[in-house]
């Protein structure tokens, strides 16, 4: 028993097993195998390493965006001239990455809380019964006013009339406004911090530059009319009823080269506000909201109501940085080597199940042994060491007496396959 345990441990620690391989000289199978291996190699090199850059690790940035609008607008409505500055046409106040630039408006001045007739087209009436119940934007008092034939409401009076949107837009001068974008990004995995004010973009350059995709792609100052044009919209059309534009600041960087090559790219996308799709989205078109300025007049609270139509600008930072790392490199190589096994599986299927000599190849690939009972030393009345010595010599003699099982002359399988 002790000798058996010793031999088992000796076999486990001091013996090495390797799989048996069969060399098949078949042109069709060889060509199929090499083509599959070539395809796998092309996938590893072309897709994994070149296109997907599987040898690099990636990180996304933590970003901050600061914006500033500049420009002055001018309107002349019914002989009333007015100048609009940044504090009047930007909502919310300066600095946010998402804001609205007013391009058109409907103004209702001198409103005060009280009772007044509803707009004639909103809810007409012939008696007080027509002004009871129902769900409307304003609170009805239940009184039908005979002079206007409309219901009386409790609201800010006079009520707003937004049926007619000014056309052309009142603030067409907004096309010449300028937008300054300041963006900083940090890639925490690589410990790199970058700003869109890269090398060469200094105070002197900013004072005279204006962004152009070809001539000045790194200039952080944008003309509002150019933003609308680059997003695919017409300024007058989107300014009339409003819309939304996305500015994408793209940081795609490769830190295997100098950090100074990590520079932003600006892309412009029209999100909504195209009149061509108005019929498909009649429920909600353009972009507008209401804004009120409250004041006291003769100790009476009043307000000026503005229905603002504007261009909503959303600044979106998109980032992806890469750098060489040995771990993803080895992982990509290991997975690629594993995929090479597909060639072996396919060729084995062809050999064992599709070729005419499949039985011959099957006998060459698999070695079958008959099961038998191994006599032990006690039944023979021998000492354990003598028994194992005799058994080993018997096996060596048997191996020398047999021919090579892989040769066709020494295997009965060859004669069977020939038949």
Protein backbone atom coordinates (compact mmCIF):
# COMPACT_ATOMS: atom_id res chain seq x y z
CA UNK A 1 0.00 0.00 0.00
CA UNK A 2 2.84 2.38 0.91
CA UNK A 3 4.65 1.56 -2.31
CA UNK A 4 1.52 2.32 -4.35
CA UNK A 5 1.12 5.70 -2.72
CA UNK A 6 4.81 6.46 -3.29
CA UNK A 7 4.58 5.51 -6.95
CA UNK A 8 1.42 7.55 -7.42
CA UNK A 9 3.05 10.64 -5.92
CA UNK A 10 6.17 10.04 -8.00
CA UNK A 11 4.10 9.83 -11.19
CA UNK A 12 2.21 12.99 -10.29
CA UNK A 13 5.28 15.15 -9.59
CA UNK A 14 7.87 13.76 -12.01
CA UNK A 15 5.88 12.83 -15.12
CA UNK A 16 4.69 15.17 -17.90
CA UNK A 17 1.78 14.47 -20.22
CA UNK A 18 1.42 15.98 -23.69
CA UNK A 19 -1.45 15.48 -26.16
CA UNK A 20 -0.89 13.20 -29.11
CA UNK A 21 -0.87 14.95 -32.48
CA UNK A 22 -1.61 13.47 -35.89
CA UNK A 23 -0.08 15.08 -38.99
CA UNK A 24 -2.64 14.85 -41.80
CA UNK A 25 -1.38 15.37 -45.36
CA UNK A 26 -4.57 16.54 -47.02
CA UNK A 27 -4.56 19.63 -49.23
CA UNK A 28 -8.19 20.58 -48.73
CA UNK A 29 -8.05 20.33 -44.97
CA UNK A 30 -4.72 22.15 -44.88
CA UNK A 31 -6.04 25.01 -46.99
CA UNK A 32 -9.18 25.31 -44.82
CA UNK A 33 -7.07 25.35 -41.65
CA UNK A 34 -4.69 28.04 -42.94
CA UNK A 35 -7.55 30.21 -44.24
CA UNK A 36 -9.29 30.11 -40.86
CA UNK A 37 -6.03 30.91 -39.07
CA UNK A 38 -5.39 33.78 -41.49
CA UNK A 39 -8.88 35.17 -40.86
CA UNK A 40 -8.35 34.95 -37.09
CA UNK A 41 -4.97 36.65 -37.42
CA UNK A 42 -6.50 39.45 -39.51
CA UNK A 43 -9.24 39.88 -36.87
CA UNK A 44 -6.70 40.12 -34.05
CA UNK A 45 -4.41 42.57 -35.81
CA UNK A 46 -6.98 44.63 -37.74
CA UNK A 47 -9.94 44.77 -35.39
CA UNK A 48 -8.62 44.11 -31.88
CA UNK A 49 -5.33 45.99 -32.06
CA UNK A 50 -5.63 48.61 -34.82
CA UNK A 51 -9.35 49.54 -34.77
CA UNK A 52 -10.36 48.81 -31.17
CA UNK A 53 -6.84 49.47 -29.79
CA UNK A 54 -7.04 46.50 -27.48
CA UNK A 55 -3.51 47.13 -26.22
CA UNK A 56 -4.61 50.31 -24.40
CA UNK A 57 -6.61 51.02 -21.26
CA UNK A 58 -9.26 53.76 -21.34
CA UNK A 59 -10.60 56.49 -19.10
CA UNK A 60 -13.33 59.15 -19.30
CA UNK A 61 -12.96 62.70 -18.05
CA UNK A 62 -14.48 64.73 -15.26
CA UNK A 63 -15.35 68.04 -16.90
CA UNK A 64 -16.48 71.58 -16.14
CA UNK A 65 -17.99 74.10 -18.59
CA UNK A 66 -18.21 77.87 -18.31
CA UNK A 67 -19.97 80.03 -20.92
CA UNK A 68 -20.32 83.74 -21.62
CA UNK A 69 -22.50 85.49 -24.21
CA UNK A 70 -21.73 88.89 -25.65
CA UNK A 71 -23.69 91.18 -27.92
CA UNK A 72 -26.41 93.84 -27.97
CA UNK A 73 -29.85 93.49 -29.60
CA UNK A 74 -32.10 96.24 -30.94
CA UNK A 75 -35.86 96.27 -31.55
CA UNK A 76 -38.36 98.83 -32.80
CA UNK A 77 -41.96 97.72 -32.16
CA UNK A 78 -44.71 100.24 -32.98
CA UNK A 79 -42.21 103.06 -32.79
CA UNK A 80 -40.89 101.97 -29.39
CA UNK A 81 -37.14 101.46 -29.57
CA UNK A 82 -35.39 99.18 -27.15
CA UNK A 83 -31.89 97.84 -26.61
CA UNK A 84 -31.40 94.31 -25.24
CA UNK A 85 -28.18 93.33 -23.52
CA UNK A 86 -26.93 90.03 -22.11
CA UNK A 87 -28.91 90.40 -18.88
CA UNK A 88 -32.13 90.69 -20.92
CA UNK A 89 -31.84 87.88 -23.47
CA UNK A 90 -29.92 85.03 -21.74
CA UNK A 91 -31.81 82.62 -19.49
CA UNK A 92 -30.69 81.52 -16.91
CA UNK A 93 -27.90 83.97 -15.98
CA UNK A 94 -24.40 83.63 -17.39
CA UNK A 95 -22.15 80.64 -16.89
CA UNK A 96 -24.31 77.54 -17.28
CA UNK A 97 -23.61 74.79 -19.82
CA UNK A 98 -27.28 74.83 -20.85
CA UNK A 99 -28.99 78.14 -21.55
CA UNK A 100 -31.47 79.93 -23.82
CA UNK A 101 -30.81 82.91 -26.08
CA UNK A 102 -34.01 84.89 -26.73
CA UNK A 103 -34.64 85.54 -30.45
CA UNK A 104 -38.35 86.42 -30.48
CA UNK A 105 -40.99 87.37 -27.92
CA UNK A 106 -44.57 88.41 -27.21
CA UNK A 107 -44.83 91.08 -24.52
CA UNK A 108 -47.85 91.92 -22.36
CA UNK A 109 -47.23 95.00 -20.25
CA UNK A 110 -49.02 96.46 -17.24
CA UNK A 111 -50.72 93.28 -16.03
CA UNK A 112 -52.35 93.35 -12.59
CA UNK A 113 -54.33 90.77 -10.65
CA UNK A 114 -58.08 91.13 -11.15
CA UNK A 115 -61.13 90.13 -13.18
CA UNK A 116 -61.31 90.61 -16.93
CA UNK A 117 -62.77 88.91 -20.01
CA UNK A 118 -61.13 85.85 -21.48
CA UNK A 119 -59.86 86.03 -25.04
CA UNK A 120 -62.79 85.84 -27.44
CA UNK A 121 -61.52 82.74 -29.20
CA UNK A 122 -60.72 80.91 -25.97
CA UNK A 123 -64.20 80.41 -24.53
CA UNK A 124 -67.27 82.13 -25.96
CA UNK A 125 -70.54 82.20 -24.05
CA UNK A 126 -74.19 83.18 -24.34
CA UNK A 127 -75.13 82.81 -20.66
CA UNK A 128 -73.54 82.38 -17.25
CA UNK A 129 -74.19 78.65 -17.47
CA UNK A 130 -71.56 78.42 -20.21
CA UNK A 131 -68.93 79.79 -17.83
CA UNK A 132 -69.37 77.24 -15.04
CA UNK A 133 -67.17 74.20 -14.53
CA UNK A 134 -64.78 72.91 -17.10
CA UNK A 135 -61.01 72.96 -17.06
CA UNK A 136 -59.24 75.98 -18.52
CA UNK A 137 -55.94 77.74 -18.13
CA UNK A 138 -57.53 80.47 -16.02
CA UNK A 139 -60.01 80.52 -13.16
CA UNK A 140 -63.52 81.40 -14.43
CA UNK A 141 -65.85 83.39 -12.21
CA UNK A 142 -69.06 81.99 -13.73
CA UNK A 143 -70.07 85.30 -15.31
CA UNK A 144 -70.68 85.75 -19.03
CA UNK A 145 -69.83 89.29 -20.16
CA UNK A 146 -72.44 90.49 -22.64
CA UNK A 147 -70.28 93.12 -24.31
CA UNK A 148 -67.51 90.68 -25.29
CA UNK A 149 -69.63 87.49 -25.24
CA UNK A 150 -66.80 85.76 -23.36
CA UNK A 151 -66.41 84.40 -19.85
CA UNK A 152 -64.98 86.48 -17.08
CA UNK A 153 -61.78 85.11 -15.50
CA UNK A 154 -59.75 85.82 -12.41
CA UNK A 155 -56.21 86.31 -13.72
CA UNK A 156 -53.46 88.77 -14.50
CA UNK A 157 -55.27 91.31 -16.63
CA UNK A 158 -55.25 92.04 -19.47
CA UNK A 159 -54.78 88.39 -20.45
CA UNK A 160 -51.99 87.48 -22.84
CA UNK A 161 -52.76 87.16 -26.55
CA UNK A 162 -50.19 84.83 -28.09
CA UNK A 163 -52.06 83.93 -31.27
CA UNK A 164 -49.78 85.89 -33.58
CA UNK A 165 -46.08 85.17 -33.34
CA UNK A 166 -43.97 88.04 -34.76
CA UNK A 167 -42.56 87.25 -38.18
CA UNK A 168 -39.78 88.01 -38.95
CA UNK A 169 -38.33 87.49 -35.46
CA UNK A 170 -37.91 90.67 -33.45
CA UNK A 171 -34.32 89.90 -32.42
CA UNK A 172 -32.74 88.97 -35.73
CA UNK A 173 -29.68 90.85 -34.48
CA UNK A 174 -29.03 87.82 -32.22
CA UNK A 175 -27.33 86.25 -35.23
CA UNK A 176 -24.27 88.36 -34.45
CA UNK A 177 -24.03 87.47 -30.74
CA UNK A 178 -20.86 85.64 -29.71
CA UNK A 179 -20.48 82.70 -27.33
CA UNK A 180 -17.30 82.00 -25.37
CA UNK A 181 -16.83 78.43 -24.09
CA UNK A 182 -14.26 77.55 -21.46
CA UNK A 183 -13.94 73.84 -20.76
CA UNK A 184 -11.59 71.93 -18.46
CA UNK A 185 -11.29 68.14 -18.29
CA UNK A 186 -9.43 65.80 -15.96
CA UNK A 187 -8.61 62.15 -16.64
CA UNK A 188 -8.17 60.77 -13.11
CA UNK A 189 -6.76 57.39 -14.17
CA UNK A 190 -3.87 59.02 -16.03
CA UNK A 191 -3.57 62.13 -13.84
CA UNK A 192 -3.89 64.49 -16.82
CA UNK A 193 -5.76 67.81 -16.84
CA UNK A 194 -6.45 69.73 -20.04
CA UNK A 195 -8.30 72.89 -21.03
CA UNK A 196 -9.74 73.93 -24.38
CA UNK A 197 -7.42 76.94 -24.09
CA UNK A 198 -4.59 74.78 -25.41
CA UNK A 199 -1.08 75.77 -26.42
CA UNK A 200 -1.24 78.76 -28.75
CA UNK A 201 -4.70 79.88 -27.60
CA UNK A 202 -3.74 82.86 -25.46
CA UNK A 203 -5.44 86.16 -24.62
CA UNK A 204 -4.09 87.85 -27.74
CA UNK A 205 -5.39 85.07 -29.99
CA UNK A 206 -8.83 85.05 -28.33
CA UNK A 207 -9.33 88.78 -28.81
CA UNK A 208 -9.17 88.49 -32.59
CA UNK A 209 -10.27 84.91 -33.40
CA UNK A 210 -13.67 83.54 -34.38
CA UNK A 211 -14.29 79.80 -34.62
CA UNK A 212 -14.13 78.27 -38.08
CA UNK A 213 -13.94 74.49 -38.65
CA UNK A 214 -11.20 74.92 -41.25
CA UNK A 215 -9.37 78.17 -40.47
CA UNK A 216 -9.64 78.36 -36.65
CA UNK A 217 -10.83 74.97 -35.27
CA UNK A 218 -9.41 75.62 -31.78
CA UNK A 219 -10.89 79.09 -31.28
CA UNK A 220 -13.37 78.93 -28.32
CA UNK A 221 -15.42 81.95 -29.49
CA UNK A 222 -18.45 81.15 -31.66
CA UNK A 223 -20.84 83.37 -33.57
CA UNK A 224 -24.47 82.38 -32.90
CA UNK A 225 -25.34 82.56 -36.59
CA UNK A 226 -22.44 80.19 -37.41
CA UNK A 227 -23.56 77.74 -34.71
CA UNK A 228 -27.05 77.60 -36.23
CA UNK A 229 -25.64 77.19 -39.74
CA UNK A 230 -23.20 74.41 -38.74
CA UNK A 231 -26.04 72.56 -37.01
CA UNK A 232 -28.00 72.47 -40.28
CA UNK A 233 -30.70 75.03 -39.43
CA UNK A 234 -31.76 78.32 -40.98
CA UNK A 235 -31.40 81.14 -38.47
CA UNK A 236 -34.61 83.01 -39.33
CA UNK A 237 -36.70 79.84 -39.18
CA UNK A 238 -35.38 78.62 -35.84
CA UNK A 239 -35.37 82.14 -34.37
CA UNK A 240 -39.10 82.64 -34.98
CA UNK A 241 -40.41 79.84 -32.76
CA UNK A 242 -37.24 78.57 -31.10
CA UNK A 243 -35.37 75.28 -31.07
CA UNK A 244 -32.42 73.47 -29.54
CA UNK A 245 -28.83 72.96 -30.64
CA UNK A 246 -26.20 70.71 -29.09
CA UNK A 247 -22.52 71.65 -29.08
CA UNK A 248 -20.35 68.59 -28.45
CA UNK A 249 -16.83 69.16 -27.15
CA UNK A 250 -15.03 65.96 -28.09
CA UNK A 251 -11.86 64.98 -26.21
CA UNK A 252 -10.48 61.83 -27.86
CA UNK A 253 -6.87 61.55 -26.72
CA UNK A 254 -3.98 59.12 -27.05
CA UNK A 255 -1.57 59.53 -24.16
CA UNK A 256 1.01 57.24 -25.74
CA UNK A 257 2.13 60.43 -27.52
CA UNK A 258 2.80 63.88 -26.08
CA UNK A 259 -0.05 65.33 -23.99
CA UNK A 260 -0.01 68.54 -26.05
CA UNK A 261 -1.63 66.60 -28.92
CA UNK A 262 -4.75 66.14 -26.78
CA UNK A 263 -6.99 68.87 -28.20
CA UNK A 264 -10.78 69.33 -28.35
CA UNK A 265 -12.95 69.09 -31.44
CA UNK A 266 -16.26 70.94 -31.67
CA UNK A 267 -19.31 69.38 -33.33
CA UNK A 268 -22.74 70.97 -33.80
CA UNK A 269 -26.06 69.11 -33.89
CA UNK A 270 -29.56 70.44 -34.47
CA UNK A 271 -31.75 68.75 -31.87
CA UNK A 272 -35.18 70.21 -32.64
CA UNK A 273 -36.68 73.27 -34.27
CA UNK A 274 -36.68 72.29 -37.94
CA UNK A 275 -39.87 73.54 -39.67
CA UNK A 276 -39.67 70.60 -42.08
CA UNK A 277 -40.78 68.22 -39.31
CA UNK A 278 -43.55 70.48 -37.98
CA UNK A 279 -46.35 68.31 -39.37
CA UNK A 280 -44.90 65.23 -37.64
CA UNK A 281 -44.81 66.88 -34.21
CA UNK A 282 -47.68 69.37 -34.12
CA UNK A 283 -48.22 68.79 -30.40
CA UNK A 284 -44.99 70.57 -29.52
CA UNK A 285 -42.90 72.61 -31.90
CA UNK A 286 -40.09 75.04 -31.21
CA UNK A 287 -38.98 76.19 -27.79
CA UNK A 288 -40.65 78.84 -25.62
CA UNK A 289 -41.34 79.75 -22.02
CA UNK A 290 -42.83 82.67 -20.07
CA UNK A 291 -40.94 85.12 -17.93
CA UNK A 292 -42.39 87.90 -15.77
CA UNK A 293 -40.84 91.08 -14.37
CA UNK A 294 -42.77 92.30 -11.31
CA UNK A 295 -42.89 95.89 -10.08
CA UNK A 296 -45.02 98.27 -7.98
CA UNK A 297 -46.96 101.18 -9.46
CA UNK A 298 -48.94 103.40 -7.10
CA UNK A 299 -48.59 100.66 -4.49
CA UNK A 300 -50.25 98.18 -6.87
CA UNK A 301 -48.33 95.10 -7.86
CA UNK A 302 -47.99 94.79 -11.59
CA UNK A 303 -45.90 92.79 -13.99
CA UNK A 304 -44.62 92.68 -17.55
CA UNK A 305 -45.10 89.22 -19.07
CA UNK A 306 -42.78 87.96 -21.79
CA UNK A 307 -43.42 84.85 -23.81
CA UNK A 308 -39.88 84.08 -24.90
CA UNK A 309 -38.98 82.17 -28.06
CA UNK A 310 -35.32 81.26 -28.15
CA UNK A 311 -32.52 78.92 -29.10
CA UNK A 312 -31.63 76.50 -26.35
CA UNK A 313 -27.94 75.58 -26.42
CA UNK A 314 -26.71 72.46 -24.65
CA UNK A 315 -22.94 72.03 -24.34
CA UNK A 316 -22.06 68.36 -24.02
CA UNK A 317 -18.55 67.15 -23.17
CA UNK A 318 -17.62 63.79 -24.68
CA UNK A 319 -14.30 62.25 -23.70
CA UNK A 320 -12.23 59.10 -24.14
CA UNK A 321 -8.51 58.81 -23.37
CA UNK A 322 -6.29 55.81 -24.11
CA UNK A 323 -2.86 54.68 -22.98
CA UNK A 324 -0.80 51.49 -23.34
CA UNK A 325 -1.24 48.92 -20.59
CA UNK A 326 0.29 45.46 -20.44
CA UNK A 327 -2.78 43.85 -18.89
CA UNK A 328 -5.29 44.53 -21.72
CA UNK A 329 -2.50 43.73 -24.20
CA UNK A 330 -1.94 40.26 -22.74
CA UNK A 331 -5.69 39.75 -22.44
CA UNK A 332 -6.18 40.58 -26.12
CA UNK A 333 -3.32 38.31 -27.17
CA UNK A 334 -4.58 35.46 -24.99
CA UNK A 335 -8.11 35.70 -26.33
CA UNK A 336 -6.74 35.80 -29.87
CA UNK A 337 -4.66 32.69 -29.33
CA UNK A 338 -7.73 30.96 -27.94
CA UNK A 339 -9.71 31.84 -31.07
CA UNK A 340 -7.07 29.98 -33.12
CA UNK A 341 -8.63 26.80 -31.71
CA UNK A 342 -11.59 27.38 -34.01
CA UNK A 343 -9.43 26.20 -36.92
CA UNK A 344 -8.70 22.90 -35.14
CA UNK A 345 -12.37 22.32 -34.31
CA UNK A 346 -13.51 22.99 -37.90
CA UNK A 347 -10.80 20.82 -39.43
CA UNK A 348 -11.55 17.96 -37.01
CA UNK A 349 -15.20 18.09 -38.05
CA UNK A 350 -14.19 17.92 -41.71
CA UNK A 351 -11.77 15.03 -41.10
CA UNK A 352 -14.01 12.91 -38.89
CA UNK A 353 -17.41 13.46 -40.50
CA UNK A 354 -17.15 14.81 -44.06
CA UNK A 355 -14.16 13.28 -45.89
CA UNK A 356 -14.46 9.86 -47.61
CA UNK A 357 -11.62 8.42 -45.48
CA UNK A 358 -13.16 9.62 -42.24
CA UNK A 359 -12.91 6.15 -40.62
CA UNK A 360 -9.19 6.03 -41.33
CA UNK A 361 -8.59 9.48 -39.84
CA UNK A 362 -10.77 8.61 -36.88
CA UNK A 363 -8.64 5.52 -36.14
CA UNK A 364 -5.47 7.59 -36.49
CA UNK A 365 -6.74 10.30 -34.13
CA UNK A 366 -8.15 8.10 -31.36
CA UNK A 367 -6.27 5.20 -29.74
CA UNK A 368 -8.51 2.56 -28.21
CA UNK A 369 -7.42 0.14 -25.43
CA UNK A 370 -9.21 -2.92 -24.06
CA UNK A 371 -10.06 -2.89 -20.39
CA UNK A 372 -8.37 -5.65 -18.27
CA UNK A 373 -7.78 -6.43 -14.63
CA UNK A 374 -4.29 -5.72 -13.37
CA UNK A 375 -3.08 -8.58 -11.11
CA UNK A 376 -1.62 -7.45 -7.83
CA UNK A 377 1.53 -8.62 -6.07
CA UNK A 378 -0.29 -10.45 -3.28
CA UNK A 379 -2.19 -12.77 -5.65
CA UNK A 380 1.11 -13.75 -7.30
CA UNK A 381 2.86 -14.22 -3.99
CA UNK A 382 5.63 -11.74 -4.89
CA UNK A 383 7.21 -8.89 -3.08
CA UNK A 384 5.84 -5.50 -4.16
CA UNK A 385 9.19 -4.23 -5.52
CA UNK A 386 9.76 -7.44 -7.53
CA UNK A 387 6.25 -7.26 -8.96
CA UNK A 388 6.56 -3.69 -10.22
CA UNK A 389 9.99 -4.46 -11.71
CA UNK A 390 8.59 -7.42 -13.67
CA UNK A 391 5.57 -5.45 -14.75
CA UNK A 392 7.73 -2.58 -16.07
CA UNK A 393 9.99 -4.98 -18.01
CA UNK A 394 6.97 -6.70 -19.51
CA UNK A 395 5.60 -3.38 -20.74
CA UNK A 396 8.95 -2.42 -22.30
CA UNK A 397 9.13 -5.74 -24.11
CA UNK A 398 5.61 -5.33 -25.43
CA UNK A 399 6.35 -1.83 -26.73
CA UNK A 400 9.44 -3.07 -28.63
CA UNK A 401 7.52 -5.92 -30.19
CA UNK A 402 4.80 -3.64 -31.56
CA UNK A 403 5.32 -1.48 -34.60
CA UNK A 404 4.61 2.28 -34.67
CA UNK A 405 0.83 2.70 -34.34
CA UNK A 406 0.92 5.87 -36.48
CA UNK A 407 2.29 4.10 -39.58
CA UNK A 408 -0.10 2.58 -42.08
CA UNK A 409 1.91 -0.68 -42.22
CA UNK A 410 1.65 -1.25 -38.47
CA UNK A 411 -2.08 -0.57 -38.02
CA UNK A 412 -5.00 -2.76 -38.87
CA UNK A 413 -7.04 0.41 -39.32
CA UNK A 414 -5.25 1.11 -42.62
CA UNK A 415 -6.45 -2.15 -44.15
CA UNK A 416 -9.97 -1.42 -43.02
CA UNK A 417 -9.93 2.04 -44.52
CA UNK A 418 -8.62 0.71 -47.82
CA UNK A 419 -11.52 -1.66 -48.09
